[in-house]
Protein backbone atom coordinates (compact mmCIF):
# COMPACT_ATOMS: atom_id res chain seq x y z
CA MET A 1 14.98 -203.44 103.65
CA LYS A 2 13.29 -200.60 105.53
CA ALA A 3 14.45 -202.07 108.84
CA LEU A 4 18.01 -202.15 107.51
CA ARG A 5 17.84 -198.44 106.56
CA VAL A 6 16.44 -197.55 110.00
CA ALA A 7 19.20 -199.54 111.71
CA ALA A 8 21.87 -197.92 109.51
CA GLY A 9 20.46 -194.46 110.25
CA ALA A 10 20.44 -195.18 113.97
CA ALA A 11 24.06 -196.35 113.79
CA VAL A 12 25.09 -193.13 112.02
CA HIS A 13 23.34 -191.01 114.66
CA LEU A 14 24.95 -193.00 117.46
CA ALA A 15 28.42 -192.63 115.91
CA LEU A 16 27.89 -188.87 115.51
CA ALA A 17 26.71 -188.50 119.10
CA LEU A 18 29.70 -190.46 120.40
CA SER A 19 32.17 -188.43 118.36
CA LEU A 20 30.69 -185.15 119.57
CA THR A 21 30.84 -186.36 123.16
CA ALA A 22 34.48 -187.39 122.77
CA CYS A 23 35.45 -183.98 121.37
CA ARG A 24 33.53 -181.77 123.78
CA ARG A 25 35.44 -179.14 125.65
CA GLY A 26 33.60 -178.92 128.94
CA PRO A 27 35.21 -178.21 132.29
CA ALA A 28 38.26 -180.29 133.12
CA GLU A 29 37.44 -183.39 135.14
CA PRO A 30 39.78 -185.84 136.86
CA THR A 31 40.57 -189.19 135.28
CA ALA A 32 41.16 -192.44 137.13
CA VAL A 33 44.84 -193.29 137.44
CA ASP A 34 46.00 -196.74 136.35
CA THR A 35 48.83 -197.70 138.70
CA ARG A 36 49.91 -200.43 136.26
CA THR A 37 50.57 -198.14 133.30
CA ASP A 38 50.49 -194.41 134.19
CA GLY A 39 53.79 -192.63 134.75
CA CYS A 40 54.66 -189.37 136.48
CA ALA A 41 54.86 -186.37 134.14
CA SER A 42 57.70 -184.97 136.25
CA CYS A 43 60.02 -187.76 137.40
CA ARG A 44 58.82 -190.49 134.99
CA MET A 45 58.43 -193.03 137.81
CA ALA A 46 55.30 -195.20 137.83
CA VAL A 47 52.32 -193.80 139.68
CA SER A 48 52.35 -196.79 141.97
CA ASP A 49 50.16 -195.61 144.86
CA ALA A 50 46.95 -193.70 144.12
CA ARG A 51 46.88 -192.27 147.67
CA PHE A 52 49.75 -189.92 146.80
CA ALA A 53 48.78 -189.15 143.18
CA ALA A 54 47.94 -185.84 141.55
CA GLN A 55 47.00 -184.80 138.05
CA LEU A 56 46.65 -181.83 135.75
CA ALA A 57 43.45 -182.08 133.73
CA SER A 58 42.86 -179.84 130.72
CA PRO A 59 39.75 -179.75 128.51
CA GLY A 60 40.22 -181.91 125.41
CA GLU A 61 43.62 -183.27 126.49
CA GLU A 62 44.99 -186.38 128.14
CA PRO A 63 45.64 -185.91 131.87
CA ARG A 64 49.18 -185.53 133.19
CA PHE A 65 49.68 -187.66 136.28
CA PHE A 66 52.15 -187.21 139.14
CA ASP A 67 53.23 -189.92 141.59
CA ASP A 68 53.87 -187.54 144.50
CA LEU A 69 52.56 -184.11 145.50
CA GLY A 70 56.17 -182.92 145.46
CA CYS A 71 56.39 -183.78 141.76
CA LEU A 72 53.28 -181.71 141.01
CA ARG A 73 54.66 -178.84 143.12
CA ASP A 74 58.04 -178.98 141.37
CA HIS A 75 56.44 -179.18 137.93
CA LEU A 76 54.24 -176.14 138.61
CA SER A 77 57.14 -174.17 140.10
CA GLY A 78 58.74 -174.28 136.64
CA LYS A 79 55.82 -172.14 135.40
CA PRO A 80 54.84 -174.44 132.53
CA ARG A 81 52.52 -173.10 129.89
CA LEU A 82 49.19 -174.76 130.71
CA PRO A 83 46.18 -174.92 128.42
CA ARG A 84 43.26 -172.68 129.31
CA GLY A 85 40.95 -174.36 131.82
CA THR A 86 43.61 -176.63 133.38
CA VAL A 87 42.73 -177.87 136.86
CA ALA A 88 45.07 -179.54 139.35
CA PHE A 89 43.48 -182.47 141.18
CA VAL A 90 44.94 -184.36 144.12
CA SER A 91 43.99 -187.68 145.61
CA ASP A 92 42.50 -187.63 149.11
CA HIS A 93 45.02 -189.85 150.91
CA ARG A 94 42.33 -191.54 152.99
CA THR A 95 39.52 -192.00 150.45
CA ARG A 96 41.50 -191.95 147.17
CA GLN A 97 38.88 -189.61 145.71
CA TRP A 98 40.01 -186.81 143.40
CA VAL A 99 39.59 -183.29 144.79
CA ARG A 100 40.58 -179.90 143.40
CA ALA A 101 44.01 -178.99 144.72
CA SER A 102 42.92 -175.38 145.18
CA GLY A 103 40.47 -176.43 147.90
CA ALA A 104 42.35 -179.37 149.42
CA VAL A 105 43.96 -179.58 152.84
CA PHE A 106 47.66 -180.53 152.78
CA THR A 107 49.84 -182.05 155.46
CA ARG A 108 53.59 -182.63 155.71
CA ARG A 109 54.52 -185.51 157.99
CA GLU A 110 58.22 -186.32 157.99
CA ALA A 111 57.60 -189.87 159.28
CA LEU A 112 55.35 -190.65 156.29
CA ALA A 113 57.06 -192.35 153.35
CA THR A 114 55.83 -191.00 150.01
CA PRO A 115 56.95 -192.10 146.52
CA MET A 116 59.46 -189.26 146.04
CA SER A 117 60.04 -188.45 149.74
CA SER A 118 58.08 -185.19 149.80
CA HIS A 119 56.26 -186.42 152.93
CA LEU A 120 53.14 -184.61 151.64
CA VAL A 121 49.55 -185.84 151.61
CA ALA A 122 46.29 -184.21 150.58
CA HIS A 123 42.74 -184.52 151.88
CA ALA A 124 39.41 -183.14 150.73
CA ASP A 125 38.91 -181.36 154.05
CA ALA A 126 40.01 -181.25 157.68
CA ALA A 127 37.56 -184.00 158.64
CA SER A 128 39.13 -186.42 156.16
CA ARG A 129 42.62 -185.46 157.36
CA ASP A 130 41.62 -185.94 161.00
CA ALA A 131 40.23 -189.41 160.19
CA ASP A 132 43.50 -190.47 158.51
CA ALA A 133 45.98 -191.94 160.99
CA ALA A 134 48.80 -191.45 158.47
CA ALA A 135 48.42 -187.66 158.74
CA ALA A 136 48.31 -187.57 162.55
CA GLY A 137 50.97 -185.31 164.00
CA GLY A 138 51.78 -183.72 160.65
CA ALA A 139 52.11 -180.02 159.92
CA PRO A 140 49.15 -178.54 158.00
CA LEU A 141 49.89 -176.54 154.84
CA THR A 142 47.66 -174.38 152.65
CA ALA A 143 47.65 -174.66 148.87
CA ALA A 144 49.42 -171.28 148.71
CA GLU A 145 52.15 -172.50 151.08
CA LEU A 146 52.69 -175.59 148.96
CA PHE A 147 52.30 -174.14 145.46
CA GLY A 148 53.10 -170.46 145.97
CA PRO A 149 50.84 -167.40 146.15
CA GLU A 150 49.09 -168.17 142.87
CA GLY A 151 48.16 -171.62 144.13
CA PRO A 152 47.55 -174.59 141.84
CA PRO A 153 45.63 -174.12 138.58
CA ASP A 154 41.89 -174.19 139.18
CA GLY A 155 40.48 -173.75 135.69
CA THR A 156 40.23 -169.97 135.77
CA PRO A 157 42.24 -167.80 133.37
């Protein structure tokens, strides 16, 4: 009987800990994209290739995915009302790792086919871009050139 009470108490504590973790409002972090089920928040097409994906992550909310950097750019150009702490993440085209868009290196290469024909790719840094044959010969862009002078959201008010 005592063992049952101890086990029940442990289960209650575990459930409480899990619910607090699920509801925490820490800094926005990127979420893995599921190319089988996630759709673009802008054009509604499937996010079919993680190398070109982007996302807006907000504390306590589901991420909004984009299938092409052009879709993220177009969405942000509409000046949507974003929750406090929203961060734009882009996929490094070569490594498929999420990086903050505000610090990423962008390239436009007209010969590169992208999901929505923006011809844009992102990389974590110049070294990753230089190691990616798909970006070779492309024109480098800064985040401000791509997203405007305010740049992409980076979690600051």
